[in-house]
Amino acid sequence: MTDLSDTGARQHRARGPRFLTADGLLTAYTWAFLAFMFVPLLLMILSSFNDASPPTVTDWRGFTGKWYAFFWMPEEALRADPVLRAIDRERFIGCLGNSLYVAAIVVPMSLMLGLAGAVLLTRWRSRANGALWWVLLSPMLAPGIVLGLSALVFWNRLGVDAGLFTIIMAQVTFISGYPMLILMARLQRQPVELEEAALDLGATPFRVFRRLTLPYLAPALASAAVIAFMASMENYNTTMFAKGAACTFATEIGAMARNANGHPPVINAVGTVIILLTVAGAVAHTLLKRKDQGR
């Protein structure tokens, strides 16, 4: 018995503390990564309910919801608040409308261009495919500042002033790459024999695309549309250099965040709403997917 207990003790000492094992280090790294990702978000949400500006969680001055009510509160109440009256509400809402307008054009254009590129790279067999791949993906790899300035200079030479149009053109150049990659991954899993059989039976290429390829791509198109919309709404670098005198939601928040006295907590409230909408969308998608699998 003594020998067995001594052997077990020596093995335990040899293994060392649990957190020094490979699994322990991986677990510690995972928790550190999650804390790095989500603790700032939790602090942002908490500070959005603090009646203090600039936002803070260490100096709690009372619970409030006025940072959320900023968008619909009466004008008299808005002017009475020393922080909110310094914010141009009409401009802020107008910039949000500009972002939605830009996204409403960027998303379908990006889907069409991405779909064309995906079909070309997966169905056209040529030695030029490798070079064409890098040409179509190069805007995604270029810095946003370069894309914004390039769009600004190009369209200015054609007599087009910087504004929402140049923002749309600049965003489409790189956002279309995201749908292309998503649709390529989907197309590469589609059996080409189905299309060839339909063509042999007399179907036109357009009919094959409409009846076979497009329905098969529907889930990927939906995912690509969501990603393109999010990329358009949150884009700052490219938009900043292509916007001219116009504004978008991202650029206006960036301008507010550069306030020398600290950004207003309205930004934290907006961020909290975006997080809640994202979580709600993910939960709804999961529930609907489980419901479909149950059927």
C-alpha atoms as a PDB file:
ATOM      1  CA  MET A   1       0.000   0.000   0.000  1.00  0.00           C
ATOM      2  CA  THR A   2       2.817   2.364   0.869  1.00  0.00           C
ATOM      3  CA  ASP A   3       4.506   1.755  -2.464  1.00  0.00           C
ATOM      4  CA  LEU A   4       1.287   2.389  -4.362  1.00  0.00           C
ATOM      5  CA  SER A   5       0.591   5.641  -2.526  1.00  0.00           C
ATOM      6  CA  ASP A   6       4.157   6.837  -3.054  1.00  0.00           C
ATOM      7  CA  THR A   7       3.904   6.036  -6.762  1.00  0.00           C
ATOM      8  CA  GLY A   8       0.634   7.984  -7.065  1.00  0.00           C
ATOM      9  CA  ALA A   9       2.111  10.974  -5.256  1.00  0.00           C
ATOM     10  CA  ARG A  10       5.150  10.985  -7.529  1.00  0.00           C
ATOM     11  CA  GLN A  11       2.895  10.813 -10.617  1.00  0.00           C
ATOM     12  CA  HIS A  12       0.801  13.713  -9.305  1.00  0.00           C
ATOM     13  CA  ARG A  13       3.925  15.792  -8.718  1.00  0.00           C
ATOM     14  CA  ALA A  14       5.188  14.904 -12.172  1.00  0.00           C
ATOM     15  CA  ARG A  15       1.975  16.085 -13.758  1.00  0.00           C
ATOM     16  CA  GLY A  16       2.119  19.357 -11.850  1.00  0.00           C
ATOM     17  CA  PRO A  17      -0.795  21.732 -11.270  1.00  0.00           C
ATOM     18  CA  ARG A  18      -3.780  21.253 -13.522  1.00  0.00           C
ATOM     19  CA  PHE A  19      -3.576  24.724 -15.087  1.00  0.00           C
ATOM     20  CA  LEU A  20      -0.051  23.963 -16.363  1.00  0.00           C
ATOM     21  CA  THR A  21      -1.240  21.119 -18.557  1.00  0.00           C
ATOM     22  CA  ALA A  22      -2.005  21.592 -22.244  1.00  0.00           C
ATOM     23  CA  ASP A  23      -5.754  21.388 -21.633  1.00  0.00           C
ATOM     24  CA  GLY A  24      -5.464  23.802 -18.729  1.00  0.00           C
ATOM     25  CA  LEU A  25      -3.562  26.348 -20.803  1.00  0.00           C
ATOM     26  CA  LEU A  26      -6.097  26.021 -23.618  1.00  0.00           C
ATOM     27  CA  THR A  27      -8.957  26.563 -21.180  1.00  0.00           C
ATOM     28  CA  ALA A  28      -7.258  29.601 -19.654  1.00  0.00           C
ATOM     29  CA  TYR A  29      -6.602  31.065 -23.087  1.00  0.00           C
ATOM     30  CA  THR A  30     -10.230  30.485 -24.111  1.00  0.00           C
ATOM     31  CA  TRP A  31     -11.566  32.263 -21.035  1.00  0.00           C
ATOM     32  CA  ALA A  32      -9.099  35.120 -21.505  1.00  0.00           C
ATOM     33  CA  PHE A  33     -10.160  35.466 -25.130  1.00  0.00           C
ATOM     34  CA  LEU A  34     -13.858  35.501 -24.210  1.00  0.00           C
ATOM     35  CA  ALA A  35     -13.205  38.081 -21.498  1.00  0.00           C
ATOM     36  CA  PHE A  36     -11.247  40.234 -23.953  1.00  0.00           C
ATOM     37  CA  MET A  37     -14.130  40.050 -26.438  1.00  0.00           C
ATOM     38  CA  PHE A  38     -17.191  40.419 -24.235  1.00  0.00           C
ATOM     39  CA  VAL A  39     -16.217  42.346 -21.096  1.00  0.00           C
ATOM     40  CA  PRO A  40     -15.917  45.651 -23.033  1.00  0.00           C
ATOM     41  CA  LEU A  41     -19.352  45.012 -24.530  1.00  0.00           C
ATOM     42  CA  LEU A  42     -20.842  44.373 -21.096  1.00  0.00           C
ATOM     43  CA  LEU A  43     -19.246  47.568 -19.777  1.00  0.00           C
ATOM     44  CA  MET A  44     -20.633  49.482 -22.742  1.00  0.00           C
ATOM     45  CA  ILE A  45     -24.133  48.164 -22.085  1.00  0.00           C
ATOM     46  CA  LEU A  46     -23.889  48.986 -18.381  1.00  0.00           C
ATOM     47  CA  SER A  47     -22.618  52.524 -19.011  1.00  0.00           C
ATOM     48  CA  SER A  48     -25.487  53.178 -21.429  1.00  0.00           C
ATOM     49  CA  PHE A  49     -27.819  53.205 -18.402  1.00  0.00           C
ATOM     50  CA  ASN A  50     -25.631  55.502 -16.292  1.00  0.00           C
ATOM     51  CA  ASP A  51     -26.656  59.150 -16.021  1.00  0.00           C
ATOM     52  CA  ALA A  52     -23.124  60.357 -16.666  1.00  0.00           C
ATOM     53  CA  SER A  53     -21.315  61.827 -19.653  1.00  0.00           C
ATOM     54  CA  PRO A  54     -18.808  60.823 -20.914  1.00  0.00           C
ATOM     55  CA  PRO A  55     -19.950  57.249 -20.238  1.00  0.00           C
ATOM     56  CA  THR A  56     -18.437  55.489 -17.239  1.00  0.00           C
ATOM     57  CA  VAL A  57     -19.144  52.567 -14.926  1.00  0.00           C
ATOM     58  CA  THR A  58     -16.890  53.632 -12.065  1.00  0.00           C
ATOM     59  CA  ASP A  59     -18.777  56.860 -11.342  1.00  0.00           C
ATOM     60  CA  TRP A  60     -22.409  55.769 -11.092  1.00  0.00           C
ATOM     61  CA  ARG A  61     -24.767  58.743 -11.041  1.00  0.00           C
ATOM     62  CA  GLY A  62     -28.099  57.003 -11.287  1.00  0.00           C
ATOM     63  CA  PHE A  63     -30.052  54.761 -13.627  1.00  0.00           C
ATOM     64  CA  THR A  64     -31.479  56.447 -16.726  1.00  0.00           C
ATOM     65  CA  GLY A  65     -32.947  55.593 -20.085  1.00  0.00           C
ATOM     66  CA  LYS A  66     -32.634  59.045 -21.634  1.00  0.00           C
ATOM     67  CA  TRP A  67     -29.758  58.004 -23.868  1.00  0.00           C
ATOM     68  CA  TYR A  68     -32.177  55.598 -25.562  1.00  0.00           C
ATOM     69  CA  ALA A  69     -35.069  58.068 -25.537  1.00  0.00           C
ATOM     70  CA  PHE A  70     -32.885  60.597 -27.372  1.00  0.00           C
ATOM     71  CA  PHE A  71     -34.389  59.578 -30.718  1.00  0.00           C
ATOM     72  CA  TRP A  72     -38.031  60.182 -29.795  1.00  0.00           C
ATOM     73  CA  MET A  73     -38.089  62.495 -26.761  1.00  0.00           C
ATOM     74  CA  PRO A  74     -39.871  65.860 -27.142  1.00  0.00           C
ATOM     75  CA  GLU A  75     -37.845  68.797 -28.346  1.00  0.00           C
ATOM     76  CA  GLU A  76     -38.346  70.628 -25.054  1.00  0.00           C
ATOM     77  CA  ALA A  77     -36.871  67.763 -23.041  1.00  0.00           C
ATOM     78  CA  LEU A  78     -34.015  67.479 -25.516  1.00  0.00           C
ATOM     79  CA  ARG A  79     -33.109  71.144 -25.178  1.00  0.00           C
ATOM     80  CA  ALA A  80     -33.295  70.958 -21.399  1.00  0.00           C
ATOM     81  CA  ASP A  81     -30.565  68.310 -21.184  1.00  0.00           C
ATOM     82  CA  PRO A  82     -27.028  69.799 -21.277  1.00  0.00           C
ATOM     83  CA  VAL A  83     -25.567  66.759 -23.060  1.00  0.00           C
ATOM     84  CA  LEU A  84     -28.299  65.872 -25.547  1.00  0.00           C
ATOM     85  CA  ARG A  85     -28.901  69.406 -26.737  1.00  0.00           C
ATOM     86  CA  ALA A  86     -25.356  69.492 -28.091  1.00  0.00           C
ATOM     87  CA  ILE A  87     -26.185  66.639 -30.497  1.00  0.00           C
ATOM     88  CA  ASP A  88     -27.864  67.375 -33.810  1.00  0.00           C
ATOM     89  CA  ARG A  89     -30.613  64.759 -33.729  1.00  0.00           C
ATOM     90  CA  GLU A  90     -31.896  65.510 -37.214  1.00  0.00           C
ATOM     91  CA  ARG A  91     -28.419  65.076 -38.696  1.00  0.00           C
ATOM     92  CA  PHE A  92     -27.837  61.870 -36.739  1.00  0.00           C
ATOM     93  CA  ILE A  93     -31.083  60.335 -37.984  1.00  0.00           C
ATOM     94  CA  GLY A  94     -30.380  61.631 -41.486  1.00  0.00           C
ATOM     95  CA  CYS A  95     -26.975  59.933 -41.493  1.00  0.00           C
ATOM     96  CA  LEU A  96     -28.660  56.675 -40.480  1.00  0.00           C
ATOM     97  CA  GLY A  97     -31.063  57.106 -43.390  1.00  0.00           C
ATOM     98  CA  ASN A  98     -28.109  57.653 -45.727  1.00  0.00           C
ATOM     99  CA  SER A  99     -26.532  54.398 -44.543  1.00  0.00           C
ATOM    100  CA  LEU A 100     -29.744  52.481 -45.163  1.00  0.00           C
ATOM    101  CA  TYR A 101     -30.051  54.070 -48.605  1.00  0.00           C
ATOM    102  CA  VAL A 102     -26.461  53.174 -49.480  1.00  0.00           C
ATOM    103  CA  ALA A 103     -26.891  49.605 -48.212  1.00  0.00           C
ATOM    104  CA  ALA A 104     -30.129  49.215 -50.200  1.00  0.00           C
ATOM    105  CA  ILE A 105     -28.114  49.760 -53.383  1.00  0.00           C
ATOM    106  CA  VAL A 106     -24.806  48.198 -52.371  1.00  0.00           C
ATOM    107  CA  VAL A 107     -26.322  44.856 -51.305  1.00  0.00           C
ATOM    108  CA  PRO A 108     -28.073  43.939 -54.604  1.00  0.00           C
ATOM    109  CA  MET A 109     -25.170  45.242 -56.689  1.00  0.00           C
ATOM    110  CA  SER A 110     -22.690  43.239 -54.617  1.00  0.00           C
ATOM    111  CA  LEU A 111     -24.837  40.110 -54.909  1.00  0.00           C
ATOM    112  CA  MET A 112     -25.064  40.416 -58.683  1.00  0.00           C
ATOM    113  CA  LEU A 113     -21.353  41.073 -59.141  1.00  0.00           C
ATOM    114  CA  GLY A 114     -20.419  38.382 -56.624  1.00  0.00           C
ATOM    115  CA  LEU A 115     -22.702  35.881 -58.315  1.00  0.00           C
ATOM    116  CA  ALA A 116     -21.227  36.683 -61.720  1.00  0.00           C
ATOM    117  CA  GLY A 117     -17.696  36.255 -60.397  1.00  0.00           C
ATOM    118  CA  ALA A 118     -18.553  33.004 -58.602  1.00  0.00           C
ATOM    119  CA  VAL A 119     -20.155  31.473 -61.694  1.00  0.00           C
ATOM    120  CA  LEU A 120     -17.248  32.602 -63.849  1.00  0.00           C
ATOM    121  CA  LEU A 121     -14.587  31.129 -61.576  1.00  0.00           C
ATOM    122  CA  THR A 122     -16.377  27.827 -60.935  1.00  0.00           C
ATOM    123  CA  ARG A 123     -17.847  27.112 -64.364  1.00  0.00           C
ATOM    124  CA  TRP A 124     -15.308  28.635 -66.761  1.00  0.00           C
ATOM    125  CA  ARG A 125     -12.287  26.398 -67.110  1.00  0.00           C
ATOM    126  CA  SER A 126      -9.284  28.385 -68.262  1.00  0.00           C
ATOM    127  CA  ARG A 127      -5.632  28.917 -67.455  1.00  0.00           C
ATOM    128  CA  ALA A 128      -6.530  32.520 -66.641  1.00  0.00           C
ATOM    129  CA  ASN A 129      -8.655  31.466 -63.653  1.00  0.00           C
ATOM    130  CA  GLY A 130      -5.772  31.877 -61.217  1.00  0.00           C
ATOM    131  CA  ALA A 131      -5.008  35.424 -62.363  1.00  0.00           C
ATOM    132  CA  LEU A 132      -8.705  36.272 -62.539  1.00  0.00           C
ATOM    133  CA  TRP A 133      -9.159  35.032 -58.971  1.00  0.00           C
ATOM    134  CA  TRP A 134      -6.592  37.490 -57.645  1.00  0.00           C
ATOM    135  CA  VAL A 135      -7.948  40.334 -59.768  1.00  0.00           C
ATOM    136  CA  LEU A 136     -11.465  39.876 -58.376  1.00  0.00           C
ATOM    137  CA  LEU A 137     -10.245  39.517 -54.797  1.00  0.00           C
ATOM    138  CA  SER A 138      -7.697  42.337 -54.871  1.00  0.00           C
ATOM    139  CA  PRO A 139     -10.174  45.035 -53.709  1.00  0.00           C
ATOM    140  CA  MET A 140     -10.770  43.046 -50.515  1.00  0.00           C
ATOM    141  CA  LEU A 141      -7.037  43.067 -49.815  1.00  0.00           C
ATOM    142  CA  ALA A 142      -6.496  46.753 -50.547  1.00  0.00           C
ATOM    143  CA  PRO A 143      -6.609  49.245 -47.644  1.00  0.00           C
ATOM    144  CA  GLY A 144      -9.923  51.028 -47.271  1.00  0.00           C
ATOM    145  CA  ILE A 145      -8.206  54.410 -47.513  1.00  0.00           C
ATOM    146  CA  VAL A 146      -6.831  53.504 -50.943  1.00  0.00           C
ATOM    147  CA  LEU A 147     -10.248  52.398 -52.202  1.00  0.00           C
ATOM    148  CA  GLY A 148     -11.950  55.518 -50.908  1.00  0.00           C
ATOM    149  CA  LEU A 149      -9.378  57.900 -52.372  1.00  0.00           C
ATOM    150  CA  SER A 150      -9.322  55.998 -55.669  1.00  0.00           C
ATOM    151  CA  ALA A 151     -13.101  56.254 -56.034  1.00  0.00           C
ATOM    152  CA  LEU A 152     -12.992  59.917 -55.078  1.00  0.00           C
ATOM    153  CA  VAL A 153     -10.294  60.782 -57.639  1.00  0.00           C
ATOM    154  CA  PHE A 154     -11.755  58.610 -60.430  1.00  0.00           C
ATOM    155  CA  TRP A 155     -15.290  59.965 -60.252  1.00  0.00           C
ATOM    156  CA  ASN A 156     -14.077  63.518 -59.687  1.00  0.00           C
ATOM    157  CA  ARG A 157     -12.186  63.320 -62.990  1.00  0.00           C
ATOM    158  CA  LEU A 158     -15.496  62.347 -64.624  1.00  0.00           C
ATOM    159  CA  GLY A 159     -17.215  65.388 -63.139  1.00  0.00           C
ATOM    160  CA  VAL A 160     -19.023  63.560 -60.311  1.00  0.00           C
ATOM    161  CA  ASP A 161     -18.792  65.249 -56.931  1.00  0.00           C
ATOM    162  CA  ALA A 162     -18.126  63.202 -53.816  1.00  0.00           C
ATOM    163  CA  GLY A 163     -21.259  62.084 -52.039  1.00  0.00           C
ATOM    164  CA  LEU A 164     -23.523  59.077 -51.647  1.00  0.00           C
ATOM    165  CA  PHE A 165     -22.838  57.953 -55.212  1.00  0.00           C
ATOM    166  CA  THR A 166     -19.090  57.741 -54.670  1.00  0.00           C
ATOM    167  CA  ILE A 167     -19.707  55.979 -51.337  1.00  0.00           C
ATOM    168  CA  ILE A 168     -21.796  53.353 -53.138  1.00  0.00           C
ATOM    169  CA  MET A 169     -19.216  52.839 -55.873  1.00  0.00           C
ATOM    170  CA  ALA A 170     -16.357  52.605 -53.373  1.00  0.00           C
ATOM    171  CA  GLN A 171     -18.174  50.112 -51.161  1.00  0.00           C
ATOM    172  CA  VAL A 172     -19.281  47.881 -54.034  1.00  0.00           C
ATOM    173  CA  THR A 173     -15.691  47.451 -55.216  1.00  0.00           C
ATOM    174  CA  PHE A 174     -14.737  45.414 -52.136  1.00  0.00           C
ATOM    175  CA  ILE A 175     -18.030  44.256 -50.605  1.00  0.00           C
ATOM    176  CA  SER A 176     -18.873  42.252 -53.746  1.00  0.00           C
ATOM    177  CA  GLY A 177     -15.928  40.013 -52.886  1.00  0.00           C
ATOM    178  CA  TYR A 178     -17.726  38.624 -49.811  1.00  0.00           C
ATOM    179  CA  PRO A 179     -20.750  37.279 -51.739  1.00  0.00           C
ATOM    180  CA  MET A 180     -18.403  35.911 -54.387  1.00  0.00           C
ATOM    181  CA  LEU A 181     -16.512  33.781 -51.857  1.00  0.00           C
ATOM    182  CA  ILE A 182     -19.719  32.562 -50.189  1.00  0.00           C
ATOM    183  CA  LEU A 183     -21.382  31.693 -53.499  1.00  0.00           C
ATOM    184  CA  MET A 184     -18.240  30.009 -54.816  1.00  0.00           C
ATOM    185  CA  ALA A 185     -18.179  27.701 -51.807  1.00  0.00           C
ATOM    186  CA  ARG A 186     -21.811  26.785 -52.487  1.00  0.00           C
ATOM    187  CA  LEU A 187     -21.361  26.329 -56.231  1.00  0.00           C
ATOM    188  CA  GLN A 188     -18.372  24.042 -55.758  1.00  0.00           C
ATOM    189  CA  ARG A 189     -20.632  21.598 -53.910  1.00  0.00           C
ATOM    190  CA  GLN A 190     -23.317  21.577 -56.596  1.00  0.00           C
ATOM    191  CA  PRO A 191     -23.161  18.540 -58.907  1.00  0.00           C
ATOM    192  CA  VAL A 192     -22.306  19.826 -62.379  1.00  0.00           C
ATOM    193  CA  GLU A 193     -23.914  16.683 -63.837  1.00  0.00           C
ATOM    194  CA  LEU A 194     -27.382  18.090 -63.054  1.00  0.00           C
ATOM    195  CA  GLU A 195     -26.768  21.136 -65.195  1.00  0.00           C
ATOM    196  CA  GLU A 196     -25.248  19.061 -67.986  1.00  0.00           C
ATOM    197  CA  ALA A 197     -28.205  16.670 -67.949  1.00  0.00           C
ATOM    198  CA  ALA A 198     -30.665  19.570 -68.157  1.00  0.00           C
ATOM    199  CA  LEU A 199     -28.773  21.023 -71.106  1.00  0.00           C
ATOM    200  CA  ASP A 200     -28.756  17.646 -72.852  1.00  0.00           C
ATOM    201  CA  LEU A 201     -32.542  17.442 -72.421  1.00  0.00           C
ATOM    202  CA  GLY A 202     -32.987  20.726 -74.280  1.00  0.00           C
ATOM    203  CA  ALA A 203     -33.097  23.332 -71.517  1.00  0.00           C
ATOM    204  CA  THR A 204     -31.534  26.690 -72.281  1.00  0.00           C
ATOM    205  CA  PRO A 205     -28.610  27.901 -70.129  1.00  0.00           C
ATOM    206  CA  PHE A 206     -30.838  30.628 -68.664  1.00  0.00           C
ATOM    207  CA  ARG A 207     -33.516  28.100 -67.748  1.00  0.00           C
ATOM    208  CA  VAL A 208     -30.919  25.827 -66.133  1.00  0.00           C
ATOM    209  CA  PHE A 209     -29.623  28.744 -64.110  1.00  0.00           C
ATOM    210  CA  ARG A 210     -33.123  29.852 -63.074  1.00  0.00           C
ATOM    211  CA  ARG A 211     -34.528  26.418 -62.237  1.00  0.00           C
ATOM    212  CA  LEU A 212     -31.458  24.623 -60.871  1.00  0.00           C
ATOM    213  CA  THR A 213     -28.583  26.893 -59.927  1.00  0.00           C
ATOM    214  CA  LEU A 214     -30.471  29.835 -58.437  1.00  0.00           C
ATOM    215  CA  PRO A 215     -32.672  27.769 -56.070  1.00  0.00           C
ATOM    216  CA  TYR A 216     -29.600  25.843 -54.958  1.00  0.00           C
ATOM    217  CA  LEU A 217     -27.854  29.149 -54.186  1.00  0.00           C
ATOM    218  CA  ALA A 218     -30.791  30.659 -52.276  1.00  0.00           C
ATOM    219  CA  PRO A 219     -29.418  29.961 -48.747  1.00  0.00           C
ATOM    220  CA  ALA A 220     -25.978  31.270 -49.726  1.00  0.00           C
ATOM    221  CA  LEU A 221     -27.526  34.361 -51.310  1.00  0.00           C
ATOM    222  CA  ALA A 222     -29.407  35.105 -48.093  1.00  0.00           C
ATOM    223  CA  SER A 223     -26.231  34.748 -46.016  1.00  0.00           C
ATOM    224  CA  ALA A 224     -24.250  36.858 -48.473  1.00  0.00           C
ATOM    225  CA  ALA A 225     -26.924  39.579 -48.369  1.00  0.00           C
ATOM    226  CA  VAL A 226     -26.742  39.776 -44.573  1.00  0.00           C
ATOM    227  CA  ILE A 227     -22.941  39.981 -44.606  1.00  0.00           C
ATOM    228  CA  ALA A 228     -22.965  42.604 -47.369  1.00  0.00           C
ATOM    229  CA  PHE A 229     -25.510  44.688 -45.442  1.00  0.00           C
ATOM    230  CA  MET A 230     -23.455  44.561 -42.265  1.00  0.00           C
ATOM    231  CA  ALA A 231     -20.244  45.383 -44.148  1.00  0.00           C
ATOM    232  CA  SER A 232     -21.905  48.401 -45.742  1.00  0.00           C
ATOM    233  CA  MET A 233     -23.423  49.725 -42.512  1.00  0.00           C
ATOM    234  CA  GLU A 234     -20.249  49.452 -40.450  1.00  0.00           C
ATOM    235  CA  ASN A 235     -17.738  50.532 -43.085  1.00  0.00           C
ATOM    236  CA  TYR A 236     -15.771  53.580 -42.020  1.00  0.00           C
ATOM    237  CA  ASN A 237     -12.363  53.832 -43.712  1.00  0.00           C
ATOM    238  CA  THR A 238     -13.490  53.626 -47.335  1.00  0.00           C
ATOM    239  CA  THR A 239     -16.623  55.678 -46.711  1.00  0.00           C
ATOM    240  CA  MET A 240     -14.736  58.384 -44.833  1.00  0.00           C
ATOM    241  CA  PHE A 241     -12.531  59.184 -47.818  1.00  0.00           C
ATOM    242  CA  ALA A 242     -15.280  58.905 -50.449  1.00  0.00           C
ATOM    243  CA  LYS A 243     -18.146  60.727 -48.755  1.00  0.00           C
ATOM    244  CA  GLY A 244     -17.285  64.354 -49.433  1.00  0.00           C
ATOM    245  CA  ALA A 245     -19.819  66.484 -47.549  1.00  0.00           C
ATOM    246  CA  ALA A 246     -22.228  63.571 -47.064  1.00  0.00           C
ATOM    247  CA  CYS A 247     -22.414  61.451 -43.932  1.00  0.00           C
ATOM    248  CA  THR A 248     -23.301  57.919 -42.952  1.00  0.00           C
ATOM    249  CA  PHE A 249     -24.127  56.276 -39.663  1.00  0.00           C
ATOM    250  CA  ALA A 250     -20.560  55.028 -39.170  1.00  0.00           C
ATOM    251  CA  THR A 251     -18.856  58.308 -40.066  1.00  0.00           C
ATOM    252  CA  GLU A 252     -21.193  60.323 -37.839  1.00  0.00           C
ATOM    253  CA  ILE A 253     -20.543  58.054 -34.871  1.00  0.00           C
ATOM    254  CA  GLY A 254     -16.834  58.356 -35.602  1.00  0.00           C
ATOM    255  CA  ALA A 255     -17.099  62.138 -35.570  1.00  0.00           C
ATOM    256  CA  MET A 256     -19.000  62.056 -32.268  1.00  0.00           C
ATOM    257  CA  ALA A 257     -16.441  59.694 -30.758  1.00  0.00           C
ATOM    258  CA  ARG A 258     -13.649  62.166 -31.533  1.00  0.00           C
ATOM    259  CA  ASN A 259     -15.182  64.741 -29.191  1.00  0.00           C
ATOM    260  CA  ALA A 260     -12.425  66.199 -27.035  1.00  0.00           C
ATOM    261  CA  ASN A 261     -14.701  66.052 -23.967  1.00  0.00           C
ATOM    262  CA  GLY A 262     -15.573  62.391 -24.488  1.00  0.00           C
ATOM    263  CA  HIS A 263     -18.227  60.817 -26.672  1.00  0.00           C
ATOM    264  CA  PRO A 264     -21.877  61.098 -25.588  1.00  0.00           C
ATOM    265  CA  PRO A 265     -23.500  57.978 -24.087  1.00  0.00           C
ATOM    266  CA  VAL A 266     -25.944  57.966 -26.991  1.00  0.00           C
ATOM    267  CA  ILE A 267     -23.278  56.011 -28.885  1.00  0.00           C
ATOM    268  CA  ASN A 268     -23.293  53.362 -26.144  1.00  0.00           C
ATOM    269  CA  ALA A 269     -27.081  53.161 -26.376  1.00  0.00           C
ATOM    270  CA  VAL A 270     -26.890  52.697 -30.150  1.00  0.00           C
ATOM    271  CA  GLY A 271     -24.242  49.987 -29.715  1.00  0.00           C
ATOM    272  CA  THR A 272     -26.410  48.197 -27.159  1.00  0.00           C
ATOM    273  CA  VAL A 273     -29.397  48.195 -29.528  1.00  0.00           C
ATOM    274  CA  ILE A 274     -27.234  46.801 -32.337  1.00  0.00           C
ATOM    275  CA  ILE A 275     -25.956  44.025 -30.054  1.00  0.00           C
ATOM    276  CA  LEU A 276     -29.500  43.130 -28.967  1.00  0.00           C
ATOM    277  CA  LEU A 277     -30.714  43.028 -32.567  1.00  0.00           C
ATOM    278  CA  THR A 278     -27.773  40.818 -33.544  1.00  0.00           C
ATOM    279  CA  VAL A 279     -28.398  38.404 -30.674  1.00  0.00           C
ATOM    280  CA  ALA A 280     -32.142  38.350 -31.407  1.00  0.00           C
ATOM    281  CA  GLY A 281     -31.461  37.564 -35.068  1.00  0.00           C
ATOM    282  CA  ALA A 282     -29.066  34.750 -34.155  1.00  0.00           C
ATOM    283  CA  VAL A 283     -31.534  33.258 -31.676  1.00  0.00           C
ATOM    284  CA  ALA A 284     -34.392  33.487 -34.182  1.00  0.00           C
ATOM    285  CA  HIS A 285     -32.258  31.806 -36.854  1.00  0.00           C
ATOM    286  CA  THR A 286     -31.337  28.988 -34.463  1.00  0.00           C
ATOM    287  CA  LEU A 287     -34.954  28.406 -33.435  1.00  0.00           C
ATOM    288  CA  LEU A 288     -36.183  28.383 -37.024  1.00  0.00           C
ATOM    289  CA  LYS A 289     -33.416  25.989 -38.028  1.00  0.00           C
ATOM    290  CA  ARG A 290     -34.320  23.598 -35.209  1.00  0.00           C
ATOM    291  CA  LYS A 291     -37.967  23.834 -36.189  1.00  0.00           C
ATOM    292  CA  ASP A 292     -37.138  22.931 -39.800  1.00  0.00           C
ATOM    293  CA  GLN A 293     -34.982  20.023 -38.666  1.00  0.00           C
ATOM    294  CA  GLY A 294     -37.814  18.804 -36.468  1.00  0.00           C
ATOM    295  CA  ARG A 295     -40.090  18.639 -39.471  1.00  0.00           C
END
